[in-house]
Amino acid sequence: MENLETFSKIFSKLDYMEKTGVIDESINLEISDLIDEFSSSERFWIDNEKVSIQTAFIMFRASRNAAAILKKAKARFSEAKSSQENPKVALDFRKVIYQIYELYNKLEEAREHVPNVDFILANQVQEDIRHLRQIAKQTNMLPSLKEEIAGLNKKQIEKEFSELDARILAGFMIG
């Protein structure tokens, strides 16, 4: 997850939009890059067997929430002109993207410390998820439950939960 330049571009575009009052939909390119990165992070934590299941789940959940909120933000930017949200959507997104940036940095730190991800860091990530969801809700960038579960493959989820069950059982048998 090496996207500091992407965040920098987003912050620059937000500055421009706030100054001019005009939405620059090209920001959706950078948002798409971040969505891809967080989706990749989801997969990393699902597949990671070097950390505890609890830690992997927290990091997966953080990645999934960030990607879902970014998708909602992207939709808001796409609809901003027709819904006359210039530059409100940019102001709202600034609040959200700061929290996503903080979460991104903590996920990076966790990846760097696998398999020894600090318990305190995992707890901070949980708190950041809560805070991100609150901000996203306040700014109308929190996806609905229907949007959050859209695109989930039921068979894939069942398979992953089955694998998770097996890992938990193995952990109890070993420990």
N, C-alpha and C. Protein backbone atom coordinates (compact mmCIF):
# COMPACT_ATOMS: atom_id res chain seq x y z
N MET A 1 0.84 -1.19 0.00
CA MET A 1 0.00 0.00 0.00
C MET A 1 0.88 1.25 0.00
N GLU A 2 1.26 1.66 -1.17
CA GLU A 2 2.15 2.82 -1.31
C GLU A 2 1.41 3.93 -2.05
N ASN A 3 0.48 4.60 -1.41
CA ASN A 3 -0.35 5.57 -2.10
C ASN A 3 -0.28 6.97 -1.52
N LEU A 4 0.83 7.35 -0.95
CA LEU A 4 0.93 8.69 -0.38
C LEU A 4 0.78 9.76 -1.47
N GLU A 5 1.27 9.48 -2.68
CA GLU A 5 1.12 10.42 -3.79
C GLU A 5 -0.35 10.58 -4.16
N THR A 6 -1.10 9.50 -4.09
CA THR A 6 -2.54 9.55 -4.39
C THR A 6 -3.26 10.45 -3.40
N PHE A 7 -2.93 10.30 -2.13
CA PHE A 7 -3.53 11.16 -1.12
C PHE A 7 -3.17 12.63 -1.38
N SER A 8 -1.91 12.87 -1.73
CA SER A 8 -1.45 14.23 -2.01
C SER A 8 -2.25 14.85 -3.16
N LYS A 9 -2.48 14.07 -4.22
CA LYS A 9 -3.27 14.56 -5.36
C LYS A 9 -4.70 14.88 -4.93
N ILE A 10 -5.27 14.01 -4.09
CA ILE A 10 -6.64 14.24 -3.60
C ILE A 10 -6.70 15.54 -2.82
N PHE A 11 -5.75 15.74 -1.90
CA PHE A 11 -5.76 16.97 -1.10
C PHE A 11 -5.62 18.20 -1.98
N SER A 12 -4.76 18.13 -3.01
CA SER A 12 -4.60 19.27 -3.94
C SER A 12 -5.88 19.55 -4.70
N LYS A 13 -6.53 18.51 -5.16
CA LYS A 13 -7.78 18.69 -5.91
C LYS A 13 -8.88 19.24 -5.01
N LEU A 14 -8.91 18.81 -3.76
CA LEU A 14 -9.90 19.34 -2.82
C LEU A 14 -9.65 20.83 -2.57
N ASP A 15 -8.38 21.20 -2.43
CA ASP A 15 -8.04 22.63 -2.26
C ASP A 15 -8.57 23.44 -3.44
N TYR A 16 -8.32 22.93 -4.65
CA TYR A 16 -8.77 23.61 -5.87
C TYR A 16 -10.30 23.74 -5.88
N MET A 17 -11.00 22.66 -5.57
CA MET A 17 -12.47 22.66 -5.60
C MET A 17 -13.04 23.63 -4.57
N GLU A 18 -12.42 23.68 -3.40
CA GLU A 18 -12.91 24.57 -2.36
C GLU A 18 -12.68 26.04 -2.74
N LYS A 19 -11.54 26.30 -3.39
CA LYS A 19 -11.24 27.68 -3.79
C LYS A 19 -12.14 28.15 -4.94
N THR A 20 -12.39 27.26 -5.89
CA THR A 20 -13.15 27.66 -7.08
C THR A 20 -14.65 27.40 -6.96
N GLY A 21 -15.03 26.50 -6.06
CA GLY A 21 -16.44 26.13 -5.94
C GLY A 21 -16.90 25.24 -7.07
N VAL A 22 -15.95 24.68 -7.83
CA VAL A 22 -16.27 23.82 -8.97
C VAL A 22 -15.75 22.41 -8.68
N ILE A 23 -16.62 21.43 -8.91
CA ILE A 23 -16.24 20.03 -8.69
C ILE A 23 -15.38 19.54 -9.86
N ASP A 24 -14.27 18.92 -9.52
CA ASP A 24 -13.38 18.30 -10.50
C ASP A 24 -13.58 16.79 -10.39
N GLU A 25 -14.38 16.24 -11.31
CA GLU A 25 -14.69 14.81 -11.25
C GLU A 25 -13.47 13.93 -11.49
N SER A 26 -12.37 14.50 -11.94
CA SER A 26 -11.17 13.69 -12.14
C SER A 26 -10.64 13.15 -10.80
N ILE A 27 -11.12 13.69 -9.70
CA ILE A 27 -10.73 13.16 -8.38
C ILE A 27 -11.14 11.70 -8.25
N ASN A 28 -12.14 11.29 -9.04
CA ASN A 28 -12.60 9.91 -8.98
C ASN A 28 -11.53 8.92 -9.43
N LEU A 29 -10.56 9.39 -10.23
CA LEU A 29 -9.45 8.51 -10.62
C LEU A 29 -8.62 8.13 -9.40
N GLU A 30 -8.31 9.13 -8.59
CA GLU A 30 -7.53 8.85 -7.37
C GLU A 30 -8.36 8.06 -6.37
N ILE A 31 -9.64 8.37 -6.27
CA ILE A 31 -10.49 7.61 -5.36
C ILE A 31 -10.53 6.15 -5.80
N SER A 32 -10.62 5.91 -7.10
CA SER A 32 -10.61 4.53 -7.61
C SER A 32 -9.31 3.82 -7.26
N ASP A 33 -8.18 4.55 -7.36
CA ASP A 33 -6.90 3.95 -6.97
C ASP A 33 -6.91 3.52 -5.51
N LEU A 34 -7.47 4.37 -4.65
CA LEU A 34 -7.54 4.02 -3.22
C LEU A 34 -8.49 2.86 -2.98
N ILE A 35 -9.61 2.84 -3.69
CA ILE A 35 -10.55 1.71 -3.55
C ILE A 35 -9.83 0.41 -3.90
N ASP A 36 -9.09 0.42 -5.00
CA ASP A 36 -8.33 -0.78 -5.40
C ASP A 36 -7.32 -1.17 -4.34
N GLU A 37 -6.65 -0.18 -3.77
CA GLU A 37 -5.64 -0.45 -2.75
C GLU A 37 -6.27 -1.06 -1.49
N PHE A 38 -7.38 -0.49 -1.05
CA PHE A 38 -8.04 -1.03 0.14
C PHE A 38 -8.65 -2.40 -0.14
N SER A 39 -9.12 -2.63 -1.35
CA SER A 39 -9.63 -3.96 -1.72
C SER A 39 -8.50 -4.98 -1.69
N SER A 40 -7.34 -4.59 -2.15
CA SER A 40 -6.16 -5.46 -2.09
C SER A 40 -5.78 -5.73 -0.64
N SER A 41 -5.92 -4.72 0.20
CA SER A 41 -5.63 -4.88 1.62
C SER A 41 -6.61 -5.88 2.27
N GLU A 42 -7.87 -5.82 1.86
CA GLU A 42 -8.85 -6.79 2.37
C GLU A 42 -8.34 -8.21 2.11
N ARG A 43 -7.93 -8.46 0.87
CA ARG A 43 -7.46 -9.79 0.47
C ARG A 43 -6.22 -10.18 1.27
N PHE A 44 -5.32 -9.22 1.48
CA PHE A 44 -4.10 -9.48 2.25
C PHE A 44 -4.45 -10.01 3.64
N TRP A 45 -5.40 -9.36 4.30
CA TRP A 45 -5.74 -9.75 5.67
C TRP A 45 -6.56 -11.03 5.71
N ILE A 46 -7.35 -11.29 4.68
CA ILE A 46 -8.10 -12.56 4.62
C ILE A 46 -7.11 -13.72 4.50
N ASP A 47 -6.11 -13.55 3.65
CA ASP A 47 -5.16 -14.63 3.36
C ASP A 47 -4.05 -14.76 4.39
N ASN A 48 -3.89 -13.77 5.26
CA ASN A 48 -2.76 -13.74 6.18
C ASN A 48 -2.96 -14.70 7.34
N GLU A 49 -2.09 -15.67 7.43
CA GLU A 49 -2.17 -16.64 8.53
C GLU A 49 -1.07 -16.42 9.57
N LYS A 50 -0.33 -15.31 9.42
CA LYS A 50 0.78 -15.04 10.33
C LYS A 50 0.37 -14.22 11.54
N VAL A 51 -0.83 -13.66 11.51
CA VAL A 51 -1.32 -12.86 12.64
C VAL A 51 -2.56 -13.55 13.21
N SER A 52 -2.94 -13.13 14.39
CA SER A 52 -4.12 -13.72 15.00
C SER A 52 -5.35 -13.44 14.16
N ILE A 53 -6.33 -14.29 14.27
CA ILE A 53 -7.57 -14.12 13.52
C ILE A 53 -8.24 -12.82 13.91
N GLN A 54 -8.19 -12.49 15.19
CA GLN A 54 -8.81 -11.25 15.67
C GLN A 54 -8.16 -10.04 15.01
N THR A 55 -6.85 -10.01 14.98
CA THR A 55 -6.13 -8.89 14.37
C THR A 55 -6.41 -8.83 12.87
N ALA A 56 -6.36 -9.97 12.20
CA ALA A 56 -6.63 -9.99 10.76
C ALA A 56 -8.03 -9.48 10.47
N PHE A 57 -8.99 -9.87 11.30
CA PHE A 57 -10.36 -9.42 11.07
C PHE A 57 -10.50 -7.92 11.25
N ILE A 58 -9.84 -7.37 12.26
CA ILE A 58 -9.89 -5.91 12.48
C ILE A 58 -9.32 -5.18 11.27
N MET A 59 -8.19 -5.64 10.78
CA MET A 59 -7.55 -4.98 9.64
C MET A 59 -8.37 -5.16 8.36
N PHE A 60 -8.96 -6.35 8.20
CA PHE A 60 -9.86 -6.59 7.06
C PHE A 60 -11.04 -5.63 7.13
N ARG A 61 -11.64 -5.53 8.30
CA ARG A 61 -12.81 -4.67 8.49
C ARG A 61 -12.47 -3.20 8.20
N ALA A 62 -11.30 -2.78 8.62
CA ALA A 62 -10.86 -1.40 8.35
C ALA A 62 -10.73 -1.17 6.85
N SER A 63 -10.11 -2.11 6.16
CA SER A 63 -9.92 -2.00 4.71
C SER A 63 -11.27 -2.00 4.00
N ARG A 64 -12.16 -2.88 4.42
CA ARG A 64 -13.48 -2.99 3.78
C ARG A 64 -14.30 -1.71 4.00
N ASN A 65 -14.29 -1.18 5.21
CA ASN A 65 -15.03 0.05 5.49
C ASN A 65 -14.48 1.21 4.67
N ALA A 66 -13.17 1.33 4.60
CA ALA A 66 -12.56 2.42 3.83
C ALA A 66 -12.97 2.32 2.36
N ALA A 67 -12.90 1.12 1.79
CA ALA A 67 -13.26 0.94 0.38
C ALA A 67 -14.74 1.27 0.15
N ALA A 68 -15.62 0.83 1.03
CA ALA A 68 -17.05 1.08 0.88
C ALA A 68 -17.37 2.58 0.96
N ILE A 69 -16.74 3.25 1.89
CA ILE A 69 -16.97 4.69 2.06
C ILE A 69 -16.40 5.46 0.87
N LEU A 70 -15.26 5.03 0.36
CA LEU A 70 -14.69 5.67 -0.83
C LEU A 70 -15.60 5.48 -2.04
N LYS A 71 -16.22 4.31 -2.16
CA LYS A 71 -17.17 4.09 -3.27
C LYS A 71 -18.35 5.04 -3.17
N LYS A 72 -18.84 5.25 -1.96
CA LYS A 72 -19.96 6.17 -1.77
C LYS A 72 -19.52 7.61 -2.09
N ALA A 73 -18.32 7.98 -1.67
CA ALA A 73 -17.79 9.32 -1.97
C ALA A 73 -17.65 9.51 -3.48
N LYS A 74 -17.16 8.50 -4.15
CA LYS A 74 -17.00 8.56 -5.60
C LYS A 74 -18.36 8.80 -6.27
N ALA A 75 -19.37 8.12 -5.81
CA ALA A 75 -20.72 8.32 -6.36
C ALA A 75 -21.20 9.74 -6.11
N ARG A 76 -20.92 10.26 -4.91
CA ARG A 76 -21.32 11.65 -4.62
C ARG A 76 -20.62 12.65 -5.53
N PHE A 77 -19.35 12.44 -5.82
CA PHE A 77 -18.65 13.34 -6.75
C PHE A 77 -19.25 13.24 -8.15
N SER A 78 -19.60 12.03 -8.56
CA SER A 78 -20.18 11.85 -9.89
C SER A 78 -21.53 12.54 -10.02
N GLU A 79 -22.27 12.61 -8.92
CA GLU A 79 -23.61 13.20 -8.93
C GLU A 79 -23.63 14.66 -8.48
N ALA A 80 -22.49 15.20 -8.11
CA ALA A 80 -22.44 16.53 -7.47
C ALA A 80 -23.02 17.64 -8.34
N LYS A 81 -22.71 17.64 -9.62
CA LYS A 81 -23.20 18.72 -10.48
C LYS A 81 -24.71 18.66 -10.64
N SER A 82 -25.23 17.47 -10.88
CA SER A 82 -26.68 17.35 -11.08
C SER A 82 -27.46 17.57 -9.79
N SER A 83 -26.86 17.25 -8.65
CA SER A 83 -27.56 17.44 -7.37
C SER A 83 -27.20 18.78 -6.72
N GLN A 84 -26.42 19.58 -7.43
CA GLN A 84 -26.03 20.92 -6.98
C GLN A 84 -25.34 20.89 -5.61
N GLU A 85 -24.36 20.02 -5.50
CA GLU A 85 -23.61 19.90 -4.25
C GLU A 85 -22.23 20.55 -4.35
N ASN A 86 -22.05 21.45 -5.30
CA ASN A 86 -20.78 22.17 -5.41
C ASN A 86 -20.70 23.23 -4.33
N PRO A 87 -19.66 23.38 -3.61
CA PRO A 87 -18.56 22.47 -3.35
C PRO A 87 -18.78 21.64 -2.08
N LYS A 88 -20.02 21.50 -1.63
CA LYS A 88 -20.31 20.77 -0.39
C LYS A 88 -19.69 19.37 -0.37
N VAL A 89 -19.78 18.67 -1.48
CA VAL A 89 -19.22 17.32 -1.52
C VAL A 89 -17.72 17.35 -1.26
N ALA A 90 -17.03 18.36 -1.75
CA ALA A 90 -15.58 18.48 -1.52
C ALA A 90 -15.31 18.75 -0.04
N LEU A 91 -16.09 19.63 0.56
CA LEU A 91 -15.93 19.93 1.99
C LEU A 91 -16.21 18.69 2.84
N ASP A 92 -17.27 17.96 2.47
CA ASP A 92 -17.60 16.72 3.20
C ASP A 92 -16.50 15.68 3.04
N PHE A 93 -16.01 15.54 1.81
CA PHE A 93 -15.01 14.52 1.55
C PHE A 93 -13.70 14.82 2.26
N ARG A 94 -13.37 16.09 2.43
CA ARG A 94 -12.13 16.43 3.15
C ARG A 94 -12.17 15.83 4.56
N LYS A 95 -13.32 15.91 5.21
CA LYS A 95 -13.45 15.35 6.57
C LYS A 95 -13.23 13.84 6.54
N VAL A 96 -13.79 13.18 5.54
CA VAL A 96 -13.69 11.72 5.43
C VAL A 96 -12.28 11.29 5.05
N ILE A 97 -11.68 11.98 4.08
CA ILE A 97 -10.39 11.54 3.57
C ILE A 97 -9.28 11.69 4.62
N TYR A 98 -9.39 12.66 5.50
CA TYR A 98 -8.41 12.77 6.59
C TYR A 98 -8.44 11.52 7.46
N GLN A 99 -9.63 11.06 7.78
CA GLN A 99 -9.75 9.87 8.61
C GLN A 99 -9.30 8.62 7.85
N ILE A 100 -9.59 8.55 6.56
CA ILE A 100 -9.13 7.42 5.75
C ILE A 100 -7.60 7.42 5.66
N TYR A 101 -7.02 8.60 5.56
CA TYR A 101 -5.57 8.72 5.53
C TYR A 101 -4.94 8.19 6.83
N GLU A 102 -5.54 8.55 7.95
CA GLU A 102 -5.05 8.04 9.24
C GLU A 102 -5.16 6.52 9.30
N LEU A 103 -6.27 6.00 8.84
CA LEU A 103 -6.49 4.55 8.83
C LEU A 103 -5.48 3.87 7.90
N TYR A 104 -5.26 4.46 6.75
CA TYR A 104 -4.29 3.94 5.78
C TYR A 104 -2.91 3.80 6.44
N ASN A 105 -2.48 4.85 7.12
CA ASN A 105 -1.17 4.81 7.77
C ASN A 105 -1.07 3.71 8.82
N LYS A 106 -2.14 3.50 9.56
CA LYS A 106 -2.12 2.45 10.58
C LYS A 106 -2.14 1.06 9.94
N LEU A 107 -2.86 0.91 8.84
CA LEU A 107 -2.84 -0.37 8.12
C LEU A 107 -1.45 -0.65 7.56
N GLU A 108 -0.79 0.38 7.07
CA GLU A 108 0.58 0.24 6.58
C GLU A 108 1.51 -0.21 7.72
N GLU A 109 1.34 0.44 8.86
CA GLU A 109 2.17 0.08 10.02
C GLU A 109 1.93 -1.38 10.41
N ALA A 110 0.69 -1.79 10.40
CA ALA A 110 0.37 -3.18 10.75
C ALA A 110 1.02 -4.15 9.76
N ARG A 111 0.94 -3.83 8.47
CA ARG A 111 1.55 -4.71 7.46
C ARG A 111 3.06 -4.83 7.66
N GLU A 112 3.69 -3.73 8.04
CA GLU A 112 5.13 -3.73 8.25
C GLU A 112 5.54 -4.58 9.46
N HIS A 113 4.62 -4.77 10.39
CA HIS A 113 4.95 -5.49 11.62
C HIS A 113 4.41 -6.92 11.67
N VAL A 114 3.84 -7.41 10.55
CA VAL A 114 3.39 -8.80 10.51
C VAL A 114 4.60 -9.68 10.72
N PRO A 115 4.58 -10.65 11.58
CA PRO A 115 3.45 -11.21 12.31
C PRO A 115 3.22 -10.61 13.70
N ASN A 116 4.00 -9.61 14.06
CA ASN A 116 3.92 -9.05 15.41
C ASN A 116 3.16 -7.73 15.44
N VAL A 117 1.92 -7.75 14.98
CA VAL A 117 1.10 -6.53 14.99
C VAL A 117 0.73 -6.23 16.44
N ASP A 118 1.02 -5.02 16.85
CA ASP A 118 0.79 -4.59 18.21
C ASP A 118 -0.69 -4.56 18.56
N PHE A 119 -1.03 -5.09 19.73
CA PHE A 119 -2.41 -5.11 20.22
C PHE A 119 -2.98 -3.69 20.32
N ILE A 120 -2.14 -2.75 20.76
CA ILE A 120 -2.59 -1.36 20.90
C ILE A 120 -2.93 -0.79 19.53
N LEU A 121 -2.12 -1.09 18.52
CA LEU A 121 -2.39 -0.62 17.16
C LEU A 121 -3.72 -1.19 16.66
N ALA A 122 -3.97 -2.46 16.90
CA ALA A 122 -5.24 -3.07 16.48
C ALA A 122 -6.42 -2.36 17.15
N ASN A 123 -6.28 -2.04 18.42
CA ASN A 123 -7.35 -1.32 19.12
C ASN A 123 -7.53 0.09 18.56
N GLN A 124 -6.43 0.75 18.20
CA GLN A 124 -6.51 2.08 17.59
C GLN A 124 -7.22 2.00 16.25
N VAL A 125 -6.96 0.96 15.48
CA VAL A 125 -7.62 0.78 14.19
C VAL A 125 -9.12 0.59 14.41
N GLN A 126 -9.49 -0.18 15.41
CA GLN A 126 -10.93 -0.36 15.71
C GLN A 126 -11.58 0.99 16.03
N GLU A 127 -10.91 1.78 16.82
CA GLU A 127 -11.45 3.11 17.17
C GLU A 127 -11.51 4.00 15.93
N ASP A 128 -10.52 3.91 15.07
CA ASP A 128 -10.53 4.69 13.83
C ASP A 128 -11.68 4.28 12.91
N ILE A 129 -11.99 2.99 12.87
CA ILE A 129 -13.14 2.53 12.07
C ILE A 129 -14.41 3.18 12.58
N ARG A 130 -14.59 3.15 13.88
CA ARG A 130 -15.78 3.76 14.49
C ARG A 130 -15.87 5.25 14.15
N HIS A 131 -14.75 5.93 14.29
CA HIS A 131 -14.71 7.37 14.01
C HIS A 131 -14.97 7.65 12.52
N LEU A 132 -14.37 6.86 11.64
CA LEU A 132 -14.57 7.02 10.20
C LEU A 132 -16.05 6.84 9.85
N ARG A 133 -16.68 5.83 10.41
CA ARG A 133 -18.10 5.59 10.11
C ARG A 133 -18.97 6.73 10.63
N GLN A 134 -18.62 7.28 11.77
CA GLN A 134 -19.39 8.43 12.30
C GLN A 134 -19.27 9.63 11.37
N ILE A 135 -18.06 9.92 10.93
CA ILE A 135 -17.84 11.05 10.02
C ILE A 135 -18.54 10.80 8.69
N ALA A 136 -18.43 9.59 8.19
CA ALA A 136 -19.08 9.26 6.92
C ALA A 136 -20.60 9.40 7.03
N LYS A 137 -21.14 9.03 8.16
CA LYS A 137 -22.58 9.18 8.36
C LYS A 137 -22.97 10.65 8.38
N GLN A 138 -22.20 11.47 9.08
CA GLN A 138 -22.47 12.91 9.18
C GLN A 138 -22.36 13.60 7.82
N THR A 139 -21.54 13.07 6.94
CA THR A 139 -21.30 13.71 5.64
C THR A 139 -22.04 13.01 4.50
N ASN A 140 -22.92 12.10 4.84
CA ASN A 140 -23.71 11.36 3.84
C ASN A 140 -22.81 10.54 2.91
N MET A 141 -21.76 9.98 3.48
CA MET A 141 -20.86 9.12 2.69
C MET A 141 -20.79 7.72 3.27
N LEU A 142 -21.68 7.42 4.20
CA LEU A 142 -21.74 6.07 4.75
C LEU A 142 -22.70 5.25 3.89
N PRO A 143 -22.21 4.16 3.31
CA PRO A 143 -23.09 3.36 2.47
C PRO A 143 -24.23 2.74 3.29
N SER A 144 -25.35 2.54 2.63
CA SER A 144 -26.46 1.83 3.27
C SER A 144 -26.05 0.37 3.42
N LEU A 145 -26.78 -0.37 4.21
CA LEU A 145 -26.49 -1.79 4.37
C LEU A 145 -26.55 -2.49 3.02
N LYS A 146 -27.54 -2.13 2.21
CA LYS A 146 -27.68 -2.73 0.89
C LYS A 146 -26.43 -2.45 0.03
N GLU A 147 -25.92 -1.21 0.10
CA GLU A 147 -24.72 -0.86 -0.66
C GLU A 147 -23.49 -1.60 -0.11
N GLU A 148 -23.44 -1.78 1.21
CA GLU A 148 -22.28 -2.44 1.81
C GLU A 148 -22.20 -3.91 1.43
N ILE A 149 -23.35 -4.55 1.28
CA ILE A 149 -23.31 -5.98 0.96
C ILE A 149 -23.40 -6.25 -0.54
N ALA A 150 -23.61 -5.19 -1.32
CA ALA A 150 -23.67 -5.35 -2.78
C ALA A 150 -22.34 -5.93 -3.27
N GLY A 151 -22.44 -6.85 -4.17
CA GLY A 151 -21.25 -7.43 -4.76
C GLY A 151 -20.60 -8.53 -3.95
N LEU A 152 -21.18 -8.83 -2.78
CA LEU A 152 -20.63 -9.93 -2.00
C LEU A 152 -21.06 -11.25 -2.63
N ASN A 153 -20.15 -12.14 -2.75
CA ASN A 153 -20.41 -13.46 -3.31
C ASN A 153 -20.71 -14.40 -2.14
N LYS A 154 -21.96 -14.86 -2.06
CA LYS A 154 -22.38 -15.69 -0.93
C LYS A 154 -21.53 -16.95 -0.80
N LYS A 155 -21.26 -17.60 -1.90
CA LYS A 155 -20.45 -18.83 -1.85
C LYS A 155 -19.03 -18.54 -1.38
N GLN A 156 -18.47 -17.40 -1.82
CA GLN A 156 -17.12 -17.02 -1.39
C GLN A 156 -17.10 -16.71 0.10
N ILE A 157 -18.14 -16.04 0.59
CA ILE A 157 -18.22 -15.72 2.02
C ILE A 157 -18.31 -17.01 2.83
N GLU A 158 -19.15 -17.92 2.39
CA GLU A 158 -19.29 -19.20 3.09
C GLU A 158 -17.96 -19.94 3.14
N LYS A 159 -17.23 -19.92 2.02
CA LYS A 159 -15.92 -20.58 1.96
C LYS A 159 -14.94 -19.91 2.92
N GLU A 160 -14.93 -18.58 2.92
CA GLU A 160 -13.99 -17.87 3.78
C GLU A 160 -14.33 -18.07 5.26
N PHE A 161 -15.63 -18.08 5.60
CA PHE A 161 -16.00 -18.34 6.99
C PHE A 161 -15.66 -19.77 7.39
N SER A 162 -15.80 -20.69 6.46
CA SER A 162 -15.42 -22.07 6.73
C SER A 162 -13.93 -22.17 7.03
N GLU A 163 -13.12 -21.47 6.20
CA GLU A 163 -11.67 -21.45 6.43
C GLU A 163 -11.33 -20.77 7.76
N LEU A 164 -12.07 -19.71 8.07
CA LEU A 164 -11.87 -19.01 9.34
C LEU A 164 -12.20 -19.93 10.51
N ASP A 165 -13.30 -20.66 10.39
CA ASP A 165 -13.68 -21.64 11.42
C ASP A 165 -12.56 -22.66 11.63
N ALA A 166 -12.02 -23.15 10.53
CA ALA A 166 -10.95 -24.14 10.61
C ALA A 166 -9.72 -23.55 11.31
N ARG A 167 -9.40 -22.29 11.00
CA ARG A 167 -8.25 -21.65 11.65
C ARG A 167 -8.49 -21.46 13.14
N ILE A 168 -9.72 -21.08 13.51
CA ILE A 168 -10.05 -20.91 14.93
C ILE A 168 -9.94 -22.24 15.65
N LEU A 169 -10.52 -23.29 15.07
CA LEU A 169 -10.47 -24.63 15.67
C LEU A 169 -9.02 -25.08 15.83
N ALA A 170 -8.22 -24.87 14.80
CA ALA A 170 -6.81 -25.26 14.87
C ALA A 170 -6.10 -24.49 15.97
N GLY A 171 -6.43 -23.23 16.12
CA GLY A 171 -5.83 -22.42 17.18
C GLY A 171 -6.17 -22.94 18.57
N PHE A 172 -7.41 -23.37 18.76
CA PHE A 172 -7.80 -23.92 20.06
C PHE A 172 -7.13 -25.24 20.32
N MET A 173 -6.97 -26.05 19.28
CA MET A 173 -6.36 -27.38 19.45
C MET A 173 -4.87 -27.26 19.77
N ILE A 174 -4.22 -26.26 19.14
CA ILE A 174 -2.79 -26.07 19.37
C ILE A 174 -2.55 -25.40 20.71
N GLY A 175 -3.38 -24.36 20.99
CA GLY A 175 -3.19 -23.56 22.19
C GLY A 175 -3.72 -24.24 23.37
